[in-house]
Amino acid sequence: SSDGPVDVNGSRWQFRNVDLFPKPVRPGGPPIWLGVRGPR
């Protein structure tokens, strides 16, 4: 979704000033369908 570099500070992945290419054709990326059925 970014128009420029992003910072991520997650529990498992942390990085700064990263801009990744190519961007997907759809703004914000391809639709994500989740294959789940348990409560969480």
Full PDB file with SEQRES, HELIX, SHEET, SSBOND, CRYST1, ORIGX, SCALE, CONECT and MASTER records, all heavy atoms in Angstrom:
SEQRES   1 A   40  SER SER ASP GLY PRO VAL ASP VAL ASN GLY SER ARG TRP          
SEQRES   2 A   40  GLN PHE ARG ASN VAL ASP LEU PHE PRO LYS PRO VAL ARG          
SEQRES   3 A   40  PRO GLY GLY PRO PRO ILE TRP LEU GLY VAL ARG GLY PRO          
SEQRES   4 A   40  ARG                                                          
SHEET    1 AA1 2 VAL A   6  ASN A   9  0                                        
SHEET    2 AA1 2 GLN A  14  VAL A  18 -1                                        
CRYST1    1.000    1.000    1.000  90.00  90.00  90.00 P 1           1          
ORIGX1      1.000000  0.000000  0.000000        0.00000                         
ORIGX2      0.000000  1.000000  0.000000        0.00000                         
ORIGX3      0.000000  0.000000  1.000000        0.00000                         
SCALE1      1.000000  0.000000  0.000000        0.00000                         
SCALE2      0.000000  1.000000  0.000000        0.00000                         
SCALE3      0.000000  0.000000  1.000000        0.00000                         
ATOM      1  N   SER A   1       0.802  -1.222   0.000  1.00  0.00           N  
ATOM      2  CA  SER A   1       0.000   0.000   0.000  1.00  0.00           C  
ATOM      3  C   SER A   1       0.830   1.265   0.000  1.00  0.00           C  
ATOM      4  O   SER A   1       0.309   2.356  -0.272  1.00  0.00           O  
ATOM      5  CB  SER A   1      -0.922   0.022   1.227  1.00  0.00           C  
ATOM      6  OG  SER A   1      -1.763  -1.105   1.251  1.00  0.00           O  
ATOM      7  N   SER A   2       2.096   1.176   0.303  1.00  0.00           N  
ATOM      8  CA  SER A   2       2.893   2.378   0.516  1.00  0.00           C  
ATOM      9  C   SER A   2       3.252   3.063  -0.797  1.00  0.00           C  
ATOM     10  O   SER A   2       3.473   2.417  -1.820  1.00  0.00           O  
ATOM     11  CB  SER A   2       4.178   2.028   1.261  1.00  0.00           C  
ATOM     12  OG  SER A   2       5.035   1.267   0.426  1.00  0.00           O  
ATOM     13  N   ASP A   3       3.308   4.379  -0.746  1.00  0.00           N  
ATOM     14  CA  ASP A   3       3.810   5.168  -1.868  1.00  0.00           C  
ATOM     15  C   ASP A   3       5.288   5.494  -1.680  1.00  0.00           C  
ATOM     16  O   ASP A   3       5.879   6.231  -2.464  1.00  0.00           O  
ATOM     17  CB  ASP A   3       3.015   6.469  -1.998  1.00  0.00           C  
ATOM     18  CG  ASP A   3       1.586   6.228  -2.440  1.00  0.00           C  
ATOM     19  OD1 ASP A   3       1.366   5.279  -3.222  1.00  0.00           O  
ATOM     20  OD2 ASP A   3       0.687   6.962  -1.980  1.00  0.00           O  
ATOM     21  N   GLY A   4       5.852   4.965  -0.638  1.00  0.00           N  
ATOM     22  CA  GLY A   4       7.258   5.202  -0.350  1.00  0.00           C  
ATOM     23  C   GLY A   4       7.720   4.225   0.712  1.00  0.00           C  
ATOM     24  O   GLY A   4       7.002   3.278   1.055  1.00  0.00           O  
ATOM     25  N   PRO A   5       8.901   4.412   1.270  1.00  0.00           N  
ATOM     26  CA  PRO A   5       9.435   3.485   2.265  1.00  0.00           C  
ATOM     27  C   PRO A   5       8.542   3.403   3.502  1.00  0.00           C  
ATOM     28  O   PRO A   5       7.892   4.372   3.895  1.00  0.00           O  
ATOM     29  CB  PRO A   5      10.800   4.099   2.621  1.00  0.00           C  
ATOM     30  CG  PRO A   5      11.160   4.930   1.435  1.00  0.00           C  
ATOM     31  CD  PRO A   5       9.869   5.471   0.923  1.00  0.00           C  
ATOM     32  N   VAL A   6       8.513   2.216   4.111  1.00  0.00           N  
ATOM     33  CA  VAL A   6       7.709   1.997   5.309  1.00  0.00           C  
ATOM     34  C   VAL A   6       8.602   1.465   6.434  1.00  0.00           C  
ATOM     35  O   VAL A   6       9.654   0.865   6.191  1.00  0.00           O  
ATOM     36  CB  VAL A   6       6.548   1.006   5.058  1.00  0.00           C  
ATOM     37  CG1 VAL A   6       5.600   1.543   4.002  1.00  0.00           C  
ATOM     38  CG2 VAL A   6       7.084  -0.364   4.653  1.00  0.00           C  
ATOM     39  N   ASP A   7       8.132   1.677   7.649  1.00  0.00           N  
ATOM     40  CA  ASP A   7       8.758   1.109   8.838  1.00  0.00           C  
ATOM     41  C   ASP A   7       7.807   0.073   9.417  1.00  0.00           C  
ATOM     42  O   ASP A   7       6.594   0.299   9.475  1.00  0.00           O  
ATOM     43  CB  ASP A   7       9.017   2.188   9.891  1.00  0.00           C  
ATOM     44  CG  ASP A   7       9.978   3.263   9.420  1.00  0.00           C  
ATOM     45  OD1 ASP A   7      10.718   3.019   8.433  1.00  0.00           O  
ATOM     46  OD2 ASP A   7       9.989   4.349  10.031  1.00  0.00           O  
ATOM     47  N   VAL A   8       8.347  -1.039   9.844  1.00  0.00           N  
ATOM     48  CA  VAL A   8       7.556  -2.098  10.482  1.00  0.00           C  
ATOM     49  C   VAL A   8       8.206  -2.432  11.809  1.00  0.00           C  
ATOM     50  O   VAL A   8       9.414  -2.660  11.885  1.00  0.00           O  
ATOM     51  CB  VAL A   8       7.462  -3.345   9.584  1.00  0.00           C  
ATOM     52  CG1 VAL A   8       6.938  -4.543  10.379  1.00  0.00           C  
ATOM     53  CG2 VAL A   8       6.559  -3.076   8.389  1.00  0.00           C  
ATOM     54  N   ASN A   9       7.396  -2.477  12.850  1.00  0.00           N  
ATOM     55  CA  ASN A   9       7.907  -2.821  14.177  1.00  0.00           C  
ATOM     56  C   ASN A   9       6.974  -3.859  14.796  1.00  0.00           C  
ATOM     57  O   ASN A   9       6.222  -3.591  15.738  1.00  0.00           O  
ATOM     58  CB  ASN A   9       7.990  -1.572  15.061  1.00  0.00           C  
ATOM     59  CG  ASN A   9       8.662  -1.856  16.393  1.00  0.00           C  
ATOM     60  OD1 ASN A   9       9.493  -2.765  16.489  1.00  0.00           O  
ATOM     61  ND2 ASN A   9       8.294  -1.111  17.426  1.00  0.00           N  
ATOM     62  N   GLY A  10       6.989  -5.050  14.237  1.00  0.00           N  
ATOM     63  CA  GLY A  10       6.121  -6.115  14.702  1.00  0.00           C  
ATOM     64  C   GLY A  10       6.789  -6.988  15.738  1.00  0.00           C  
ATOM     65  O   GLY A  10       7.922  -6.744  16.167  1.00  0.00           O  
ATOM     66  N   SER A  11       6.080  -8.030  16.147  1.00  0.00           N  
ATOM     67  CA  SER A  11       6.623  -8.946  17.155  1.00  0.00           C  
ATOM     68  C   SER A  11       7.727  -9.822  16.592  1.00  0.00           C  
ATOM     69  O   SER A  11       8.656 -10.207  17.301  1.00  0.00           O  
ATOM     70  CB  SER A  11       5.497  -9.838  17.697  1.00  0.00           C  
ATOM     71  OG  SER A  11       4.488  -9.066  18.304  1.00  0.00           O  
ATOM     72  N   ARG A  12       7.645 -10.118  15.304  1.00  0.00           N  
ATOM     73  CA  ARG A  12       8.590 -11.046  14.683  1.00  0.00           C  
ATOM     74  C   ARG A  12       9.466 -10.380  13.631  1.00  0.00           C  
ATOM     75  O   ARG A  12      10.573 -10.844  13.385  1.00  0.00           O  
ATOM     76  CB  ARG A  12       7.825 -12.219  14.048  1.00  0.00           C  
ATOM     77  CG  ARG A  12       7.071 -13.047  15.071  1.00  0.00           C  
ATOM     78  CD  ARG A  12       5.985 -13.897  14.431  1.00  0.00           C  
ATOM     79  NE  ARG A  12       5.224 -14.601  15.460  1.00  0.00           N  
ATOM     80  CZ  ARG A  12       4.245 -14.049  16.173  1.00  0.00           C  
ATOM     81  NH1 ARG A  12       3.910 -12.791  15.961  1.00  0.00           N  
ATOM     82  NH2 ARG A  12       3.612 -14.733  17.091  1.00  0.00           N  
ATOM     83  N   TRP A  13       8.950  -9.353  12.983  1.00  0.00           N  
ATOM     84  CA  TRP A  13       9.701  -8.685  11.928  1.00  0.00           C  
ATOM     85  C   TRP A  13       9.753  -7.200  12.210  1.00  0.00           C  
ATOM     86  O   TRP A  13       8.735  -6.570  12.510  1.00  0.00           O  
ATOM     87  CB  TRP A  13       9.051  -8.937  10.568  1.00  0.00           C  
ATOM     88  CG  TRP A  13       9.153 -10.380  10.160  1.00  0.00           C  
ATOM     89  CD1 TRP A  13      10.225 -11.021   9.621  1.00  0.00           C  
ATOM     90  CD2 TRP A  13       8.128 -11.376  10.306  1.00  0.00           C  
ATOM     91  NE1 TRP A  13       9.933 -12.344   9.413  1.00  0.00           N  
ATOM     92  CE2 TRP A  13       8.658 -12.599   9.816  1.00  0.00           C  
ATOM     93  CE3 TRP A  13       6.809 -11.360  10.783  1.00  0.00           C  
ATOM     94  CZ2 TRP A  13       7.927 -13.777   9.805  1.00  0.00           C  
ATOM     95  CZ3 TRP A  13       6.074 -12.533  10.775  1.00  0.00           C  
ATOM     96  CH2 TRP A  13       6.640 -13.723  10.291  1.00  0.00           C  
ATOM     97  N   GLN A  14      10.972  -6.657  12.143  1.00  0.00           N  
ATOM     98  CA  GLN A  14      11.187  -5.233  12.329  1.00  0.00           C  
ATOM     99  C   GLN A  14      12.142  -4.750  11.235  1.00  0.00           C  
ATOM    100  O   GLN A  14      13.175  -5.387  10.988  1.00  0.00           O  
ATOM    101  CB  GLN A  14      11.801  -4.913  13.700  1.00  0.00           C  
ATOM    102  CG  GLN A  14      10.999  -5.439  14.894  1.00  0.00           C  
ATOM    103  CD  GLN A  14      11.355  -6.857  15.268  1.00  0.00           C  
ATOM    104  OE1 GLN A  14      12.503  -7.290  15.124  1.00  0.00           O  
ATOM    105  NE2 GLN A  14      10.381  -7.613  15.768  1.00  0.00           N  
ATOM    106  N   PHE A  15      11.777  -3.675  10.574  1.00  0.00           N  
ATOM    107  CA  PHE A  15      12.679  -3.067   9.598  1.00  0.00           C  
ATOM    108  C   PHE A  15      12.258  -1.614   9.385  1.00  0.00           C  
ATOM    109  O   PHE A  15      11.129  -1.224   9.703  1.00  0.00           O  
ATOM    110  CB  PHE A  15      12.707  -3.840   8.283  1.00  0.00           C  
ATOM    111  CG  PHE A  15      11.347  -4.109   7.675  1.00  0.00           C  
ATOM    112  CD1 PHE A  15      10.702  -3.156   6.892  1.00  0.00           C  
ATOM    113  CD2 PHE A  15      10.716  -5.340   7.859  1.00  0.00           C  
ATOM    114  CE1 PHE A  15       9.469  -3.404   6.322  1.00  0.00           C  
ATOM    115  CE2 PHE A  15       9.481  -5.599   7.297  1.00  0.00           C  
ATOM    116  CZ  PHE A  15       8.847  -4.636   6.514  1.00  0.00           C  
ATOM    117  N   ARG A  16      13.188  -0.837   8.851  1.00  0.00           N  
ATOM    118  CA  ARG A  16      12.930   0.589   8.627  1.00  0.00           C  
ATOM    119  C   ARG A  16      13.291   0.955   7.203  1.00  0.00           C  
ATOM    120  O   ARG A  16      14.215   0.394   6.600  1.00  0.00           O  
ATOM    121  CB  ARG A  16      13.753   1.442   9.603  1.00  0.00           C  
ATOM    122  CG  ARG A  16      13.399   1.242  11.077  1.00  0.00           C  
ATOM    123  CD  ARG A  16      14.072   2.289  11.934  1.00  0.00           C  
ATOM    124  NE  ARG A  16      13.587   3.626  11.590  1.00  0.00           N  
ATOM    125  CZ  ARG A  16      14.115   4.748  12.065  1.00  0.00           C  
ATOM    126  NH1 ARG A  16      15.150   4.701  12.900  1.00  0.00           N  
ATOM    127  NH2 ARG A  16      13.624   5.922  11.712  1.00  0.00           N  
ATOM    128  N   ASN A  17      12.531   1.931   6.678  1.00  0.00           N  
ATOM    129  CA  ASN A  17      12.848   2.566   5.404  1.00  0.00           C  
ATOM    130  C   ASN A  17      12.940   1.538   4.257  1.00  0.00           C  
ATOM    131  O   ASN A  17      13.881   1.551   3.476  1.00  0.00           O  
ATOM    132  CB  ASN A  17      14.171   3.339   5.534  1.00  0.00           C  
ATOM    133  CG  ASN A  17      14.331   4.377   4.441  1.00  0.00           C  
ATOM    134  OD1 ASN A  17      13.356   4.991   4.010  1.00  0.00           O  
ATOM    135  ND2 ASN A  17      15.560   4.566   3.983  1.00  0.00           N  
ATOM    136  N   VAL A  18      11.937   0.668   4.162  1.00  0.00           N  
ATOM    137  CA  VAL A  18      11.908  -0.350   3.106  1.00  0.00           C  
ATOM    138  C   VAL A  18      10.778  -0.034   2.129  1.00  0.00           C  
ATOM    139  O   VAL A  18       9.630   0.180   2.529  1.00  0.00           O  
ATOM    140  CB  VAL A  18      11.699  -1.757   3.706  1.00  0.00           C  
ATOM    141  CG1 VAL A  18      11.439  -2.782   2.590  1.00  0.00           C  
ATOM    142  CG2 VAL A  18      12.907  -2.169   4.528  1.00  0.00           C  
ATOM    143  N   ASP A  19      11.117   0.001   0.864  1.00  0.00           N  
ATOM    144  CA  ASP A  19      10.120   0.170  -0.197  1.00  0.00           C  
ATOM    145  C   ASP A  19      10.293  -0.986  -1.167  1.00  0.00           C  
ATOM    146  O   ASP A  19      11.367  -1.147  -1.767  1.00  0.00           O  
ATOM    147  CB  ASP A  19      10.319   1.509  -0.919  1.00  0.00           C  
ATOM    148  CG  ASP A  19       9.082   1.936  -1.692  1.00  0.00           C  
ATOM    149  OD1 ASP A  19       8.062   1.229  -1.614  1.00  0.00           O  
ATOM    150  OD2 ASP A  19       9.143   2.970  -2.386  1.00  0.00           O  
ATOM    151  N   LEU A  20       9.269  -1.791  -1.314  1.00  0.00           N  
ATOM    152  CA  LEU A  20       9.366  -3.025  -2.072  1.00  0.00           C  
ATOM    153  C   LEU A  20       8.689  -2.879  -3.427  1.00  0.00           C  
ATOM    154  O   LEU A  20       7.602  -2.309  -3.531  1.00  0.00           O  
ATOM    155  CB  LEU A  20       8.700  -4.157  -1.279  1.00  0.00           C  
ATOM    156  CG  LEU A  20       9.066  -5.590  -1.657  1.00  0.00           C  
ATOM    157  CD1 LEU A  20      10.536  -5.861  -1.371  1.00  0.00           C  
ATOM    158  CD2 LEU A  20       8.195  -6.571  -0.878  1.00  0.00           C  
ATOM    159  N   PHE A  21       9.335  -3.398  -4.460  1.00  0.00           N  
ATOM    160  CA  PHE A  21       8.772  -3.409  -5.808  1.00  0.00           C  
ATOM    161  C   PHE A  21       8.894  -4.831  -6.384  1.00  0.00           C  
ATOM    162  O   PHE A  21       9.783  -5.576  -5.979  1.00  0.00           O  
ATOM    163  CB  PHE A  21       9.506  -2.417  -6.712  1.00  0.00           C  
ATOM    164  CG  PHE A  21       9.268  -0.979  -6.350  1.00  0.00           C  
ATOM    165  CD1 PHE A  21      10.148  -0.306  -5.511  1.00  0.00           C  
ATOM    166  CD2 PHE A  21       8.147  -0.317  -6.833  1.00  0.00           C  
ATOM    167  CE1 PHE A  21       9.915   1.019  -5.172  1.00  0.00           C  
ATOM    168  CE2 PHE A  21       7.914   1.015  -6.499  1.00  0.00           C  
ATOM    169  CZ  PHE A  21       8.807   1.680  -5.673  1.00  0.00           C  
ATOM    170  N   PRO A  22       7.948  -5.192  -7.311  1.00  0.00           N  
ATOM    171  CA  PRO A  22       6.881  -4.375  -7.880  1.00  0.00           C  
ATOM    172  C   PRO A  22       5.709  -4.230  -6.916  1.00  0.00           C  
ATOM    173  O   PRO A  22       5.550  -5.047  -6.011  1.00  0.00           O  
ATOM    174  CB  PRO A  22       6.444  -5.176  -9.115  1.00  0.00           C  
ATOM    175  CG  PRO A  22       6.672  -6.608  -8.713  1.00  0.00           C  
ATOM    176  CD  PRO A  22       7.937  -6.574  -7.881  1.00  0.00           C  
ATOM    177  N   LYS A  23       4.895  -3.213  -7.137  1.00  0.00           N  
ATOM    178  CA  LYS A  23       3.634  -3.107  -6.422  1.00  0.00           C  
ATOM    179  C   LYS A  23       2.595  -3.948  -7.160  1.00  0.00           C  
ATOM    180  O   LYS A  23       2.648  -4.077  -8.387  1.00  0.00           O  
ATOM    181  CB  LYS A  23       3.153  -1.655  -6.361  1.00  0.00           C  
ATOM    182  CG  LYS A  23       4.107  -0.700  -5.677  1.00  0.00           C  
ATOM    183  CD  LYS A  23       4.334  -1.059  -4.213  1.00  0.00           C  
ATOM    184  CE  LYS A  23       5.253  -0.021  -3.557  1.00  0.00           C  
ATOM    185  NZ  LYS A  23       5.603  -0.414  -2.157  1.00  0.00           N  
ATOM    186  N   PRO A  24       1.643  -4.536  -6.437  1.00  0.00           N  
ATOM    187  CA  PRO A  24       0.583  -5.287  -7.112  1.00  0.00           C  
ATOM    188  C   PRO A  24      -0.252  -4.371  -8.002  1.00  0.00           C  
ATOM    189  O   PRO A  24      -0.267  -3.154  -7.838  1.00  0.00           O  
ATOM    190  CB  PRO A  24      -0.259  -5.834  -5.954  1.00  0.00           C  
ATOM    191  CG  PRO A  24       0.621  -5.745  -4.749  1.00  0.00           C  
ATOM    192  CD  PRO A  24       1.507  -4.566  -4.979  1.00  0.00           C  
ATOM    193  N   VAL A  25      -0.953  -4.979  -8.952  1.00  0.00           N  
ATOM    194  CA  VAL A  25      -1.804  -4.210  -9.858  1.00  0.00           C  
ATOM    195  C   VAL A  25      -2.951  -3.565  -9.098  1.00  0.00           C  
ATOM    196  O   VAL A  25      -3.270  -2.386  -9.303  1.00  0.00           O  
ATOM    197  CB  VAL A  25      -2.336  -5.112 -10.990  1.00  0.00           C  
ATOM    198  CG1 VAL A  25      -3.371  -4.379 -11.837  1.00  0.00           C  
ATOM    199  CG2 VAL A  25      -1.178  -5.607 -11.856  1.00  0.00           C  
ATOM    200  N   ARG A  26      -3.574  -4.317  -8.202  1.00  0.00           N  
ATOM    201  CA  ARG A  26      -4.680  -3.758  -7.414  1.00  0.00           C  
ATOM    202  C   ARG A  26      -4.127  -2.858  -6.310  1.00  0.00           C  
ATOM    203  O   ARG A  26      -3.220  -3.250  -5.583  1.00  0.00           O  
ATOM    204  CB  ARG A  26      -5.503  -4.867  -6.774  1.00  0.00           C  
ATOM    205  CG  ARG A  26      -6.266  -5.706  -7.771  1.00  0.00           C  
ATOM    206  CD  ARG A  26      -7.192  -6.635  -7.035  1.00  0.00           C  
ATOM    207  NE  ARG A  26      -7.881  -7.519  -7.955  1.00  0.00           N  
ATOM    208  CZ  ARG A  26      -9.142  -7.891  -7.819  1.00  0.00           C  
ATOM    209  NH1 ARG A  26      -9.848  -7.459  -6.792  1.00  0.00           N  
ATOM    210  NH2 ARG A  26      -9.706  -8.704  -8.681  1.00  0.00           N  
ATOM    211  N   PRO A  27      -4.673  -1.671  -6.155  1.00  0.00           N  
ATOM    212  CA  PRO A  27      -4.233  -0.811  -5.049  1.00  0.00           C  
ATOM    213  C   PRO A  27      -4.400  -1.526  -3.709  1.00  0.00           C  
ATOM    214  O   PRO A  27      -5.460  -2.079  -3.419  1.00  0.00           O  
ATOM    215  CB  PRO A  27      -5.170   0.396  -5.157  1.00  0.00           C  
ATOM    216  CG  PRO A  27      -5.602   0.411  -6.594  1.00  0.00           C  
ATOM    217  CD  PRO A  27      -5.693  -1.028  -6.995  1.00  0.00           C  
ATOM    218  N   GLY A  28      -3.353  -1.561  -2.937  1.00  0.00           N  
ATOM    219  CA  GLY A  28      -3.410  -2.234  -1.643  1.00  0.00           C  
ATOM    220  C   GLY A  28      -3.117  -3.712  -1.695  1.00  0.00           C  
ATOM    221  O   GLY A  28      -3.007  -4.369  -0.661  1.00  0.00           O  
ATOM    222  N   GLY A  29      -2.976  -4.253  -2.904  1.00  0.00           N  
ATOM    223  CA  GLY A  29      -2.596  -5.656  -3.028  1.00  0.00           C  
ATOM    224  C   GLY A  29      -3.741  -6.571  -3.407  1.00  0.00           C  
ATOM    225  O   GLY A  29      -4.913  -6.175  -3.402  1.00  0.00           O  
ATOM    226  N   PRO A  30      -3.434  -7.820  -3.723  1.00  0.00           N  
ATOM    227  CA  PRO A  30      -4.473  -8.777  -4.100  1.00  0.00           C  
ATOM    228  C   PRO A  30      -5.388  -9.077  -2.920  1.00  0.00           C  
ATOM    229  O   PRO A  30      -4.964  -8.983  -1.759  1.00  0.00           O  
ATOM    230  CB  PRO A  30      -3.674 -10.027  -4.502  1.00  0.00           C  
ATOM    231  CG  PRO A  30      -2.385  -9.902  -3.768  1.00  0.00           C  
ATOM    232  CD  PRO A  30      -2.094  -8.427  -3.718  1.00  0.00           C  
ATOM    233  N   PRO A  31      -6.653  -9.426  -3.187  1.00  0.00           N  
ATOM    234  CA  PRO A  31      -7.545  -9.802  -2.087  1.00  0.00           C  
ATOM    235  C   PRO A  31      -7.013 -11.015  -1.352  1.00  0.00           C  
ATOM    236  O   PRO A  31      -6.508 -11.966  -1.970  1.00  0.00           O  
ATOM    237  CB  PRO A  31      -8.879 -10.096  -2.780  1.00  0.00           C  
ATOM    238  CG  PRO A  31      -8.532 -10.343  -4.212  1.00  0.00           C  
ATOM    239  CD  PRO A  31      -7.316  -9.523  -4.497  1.00  0.00           C  
ATOM    240  N   ILE A  32      -7.118 -10.997  -0.020  1.00  0.00           N  
ATOM    241  CA  ILE A  32      -6.665 -12.101   0.823  1.00  0.00           C  
ATOM    242  C   ILE A  32      -7.883 -12.836   1.364  1.00  0.00           C  
ATOM    243  O   ILE A  32      -8.696 -12.265   2.101  1.00  0.00           O  
ATOM    244  CB  ILE A  32      -5.783 -11.583   1.975  1.00  0.00           C  
ATOM    245  CG1 ILE A  32      -4.471 -11.023   1.408  1.00  0.00           C  
ATOM    246  CG2 ILE A  32      -5.504 -12.692   2.989  1.00  0.00           C  
ATOM    247  CD1 ILE A  32      -3.574 -10.389   2.446  1.00  0.00           C  
ATOM    248  N   TRP A  33      -8.023 -14.081   0.960  1.00  0.00           N  
ATOM    249  CA  TRP A  33      -9.104 -14.943   1.447  1.00  0.00           C  
ATOM    250  C   TRP A  33      -8.504 -15.903   2.465  1.00  0.00           C  
ATOM    251  O   TRP A  33      -7.491 -16.567   2.178  1.00  0.00           O  
ATOM    252  CB  TRP A  33      -9.716 -15.733   0.297  1.00  0.00           C  
ATOM    253  CG  TRP A  33     -10.485 -14.902  -0.691  1.00  0.00           C  
ATOM    254  CD1 TRP A  33     -10.512 -13.544  -0.797  1.00  0.00           C  
ATOM    255  CD2 TRP A  33     -11.336 -15.407  -1.734  1.00  0.00           C  
ATOM    256  NE1 TRP A  33     -11.327 -13.158  -1.834  1.00  0.00           N  
ATOM    257  CE2 TRP A  33     -11.846 -14.274  -2.425  1.00  0.00           C  
ATOM    258  CE3 TRP A  33     -11.709 -16.684  -2.143  1.00  0.00           C  
ATOM    259  CZ2 TRP A  33     -12.715 -14.410  -3.516  1.00  0.00           C  
ATOM    260  CZ3 TRP A  33     -12.575 -16.814  -3.221  1.00  0.00           C  
ATOM    261  CH2 TRP A  33     -13.076 -15.687  -3.895  1.00  0.00           C  
ATOM    262  N   LEU A  34      -9.117 -15.998   3.615  1.00  0.00           N  
ATOM    263  CA  LEU A  34      -8.546 -16.795   4.693  1.00  0.00           C  
ATOM    264  C   LEU A  34      -9.199 -18.173   4.779  1.00  0.00           C  
ATOM    265  O   LEU A  34     -10.423 -18.294   4.868  1.00  0.00           O  
ATOM    266  CB  LEU A  34      -8.669 -16.053   6.017  1.00  0.00           C  
ATOM    267  CG  LEU A  34      -7.779 -14.810   6.107  1.00  0.00           C  
ATOM    268  CD1 LEU A  34      -7.971 -14.094   7.430  1.00  0.00           C  
ATOM    269  CD2 LEU A  34      -6.314 -15.170   5.912  1.00  0.00           C  
ATOM    270  N   GLY A  35      -8.348 -19.200   4.746  1.00  0.00           N  
ATOM    271  CA  GLY A  35      -8.804 -20.586   4.855  1.00  0.00           C  
ATOM    272  C   GLY A  35      -8.772 -21.022   6.313  1.00  0.00           C  
ATOM    273  O   GLY A  35      -7.823 -21.666   6.764  1.00  0.00           O  
ATOM    274  N   VAL A  36      -9.815 -20.670   7.052  1.00  0.00           N  
ATOM    275  CA  VAL A  36      -9.887 -20.926   8.495  1.00  0.00           C  
ATOM    276  C   VAL A  36     -11.299 -21.366   8.860  1.00  0.00           C  
ATOM    277  O   VAL A  36     -12.264 -21.054   8.157  1.00  0.00           O  
ATOM    278  CB  VAL A  36      -9.519 -19.663   9.303  1.00  0.00           C  
ATOM    279  CG1 VAL A  36      -8.059 -19.294   9.120  1.00  0.00           C  
ATOM    280  CG2 VAL A  36     -10.407 -18.475   8.895  1.00  0.00           C  
ATOM    281  N   ARG A  37     -11.408 -22.063  10.000  1.00  0.00           N  
ATOM    282  CA  ARG A  37     -12.743 -22.375  10.521  1.00  0.00           C  
ATOM    283  C   ARG A  37     -12.771 -22.484  12.047  1.00  0.00           C  
ATOM    284  O   ARG A  37     -13.843 -22.610  12.631  1.00  0.00           O  
ATOM    285  CB  ARG A  37     -13.298 -23.645   9.890  1.00  0.00           C  
ATOM    286  CG  ARG A  37     -12.603 -24.941  10.289  1.00  0.00           C  
ATOM    287  CD  ARG A  37     -13.270 -26.119   9.601  1.00  0.00           C  
ATOM    288  NE  ARG A  37     -12.712 -27.405  10.039  1.00  0.00           N  
ATOM    289  CZ  ARG A  37     -13.015 -28.573   9.481  1.00  0.00           C  
ATOM    290  NH1 ARG A  37     -13.877 -28.616   8.478  1.00  0.00           N  
ATOM    291  NH2 ARG A  37     -12.466 -29.682   9.926  1.00  0.00           N  
ATOM    292  N   GLY A  38     -11.623 -22.449  12.698  1.00  0.00           N  
ATOM    293  CA  GLY A  38     -11.572 -22.458  14.154  1.00  0.00           C  
ATOM    294  C   GLY A  38     -11.879 -21.091  14.730  1.00  0.00           C  
ATOM    295  O   GLY A  38     -11.896 -20.076  14.013  1.00  0.00           O  
ATOM    296  N   PRO A  39     -12.108 -20.995  16.045  1.00  0.00           N  
ATOM    297  CA  PRO A  39     -12.512 -19.727  16.665  1.00  0.00           C  
ATOM    298  C   PRO A  39     -11.536 -18.581  16.429  1.00  0.00           C  
ATOM    299  O   PRO A  39     -11.941 -17.472  16.056  1.00  0.00           O  
ATOM    300  CB  PRO A  39     -12.618 -20.078  18.156  1.00  0.00           C  
ATOM    301  CG  PRO A  39     -12.883 -21.559  18.171  1.00  0.00           C  
ATOM    302  CD  PRO A  39     -12.122 -22.121  17.005  1.00  0.00           C  
ATOM    303  N   ARG A  40     -10.237 -18.812  16.637  1.00  0.00           N  
ATOM    304  CA  ARG A  40      -9.271 -17.731  16.461  1.00  0.00           C  
ATOM    305  C   ARG A  40      -9.145 -17.346  14.990  1.00  0.00           C  
ATOM    306  O   ARG A  40      -9.016 -16.168  14.650  1.00  0.00           O  
ATOM    307  CB  ARG A  40      -7.906 -18.132  17.019  1.00  0.00           C  
ATOM    308  CG  ARG A  40      -7.876 -18.296  18.530  1.00  0.00           C  
ATOM    309  CD  ARG A  40      -6.448 -18.451  19.017  1.00  0.00           C  
ATOM    310  NE  ARG A  40      -5.674 -17.245  18.759  1.00  0.00           N  
ATOM    311  CZ  ARG A  40      -4.359 -17.232  18.587  1.00  0.00           C  
ATOM    312  NH1 ARG A  40      -3.664 -18.366  18.629  1.00  0.00           N  
ATOM    313  NH2 ARG A  40      -3.715 -16.106  18.367  1.00  0.00           N  
TER     314      ARG A  40                                                      
MASTER        0    0    0    0    2    0    0    6  313    1    0    4          
END                                                                             
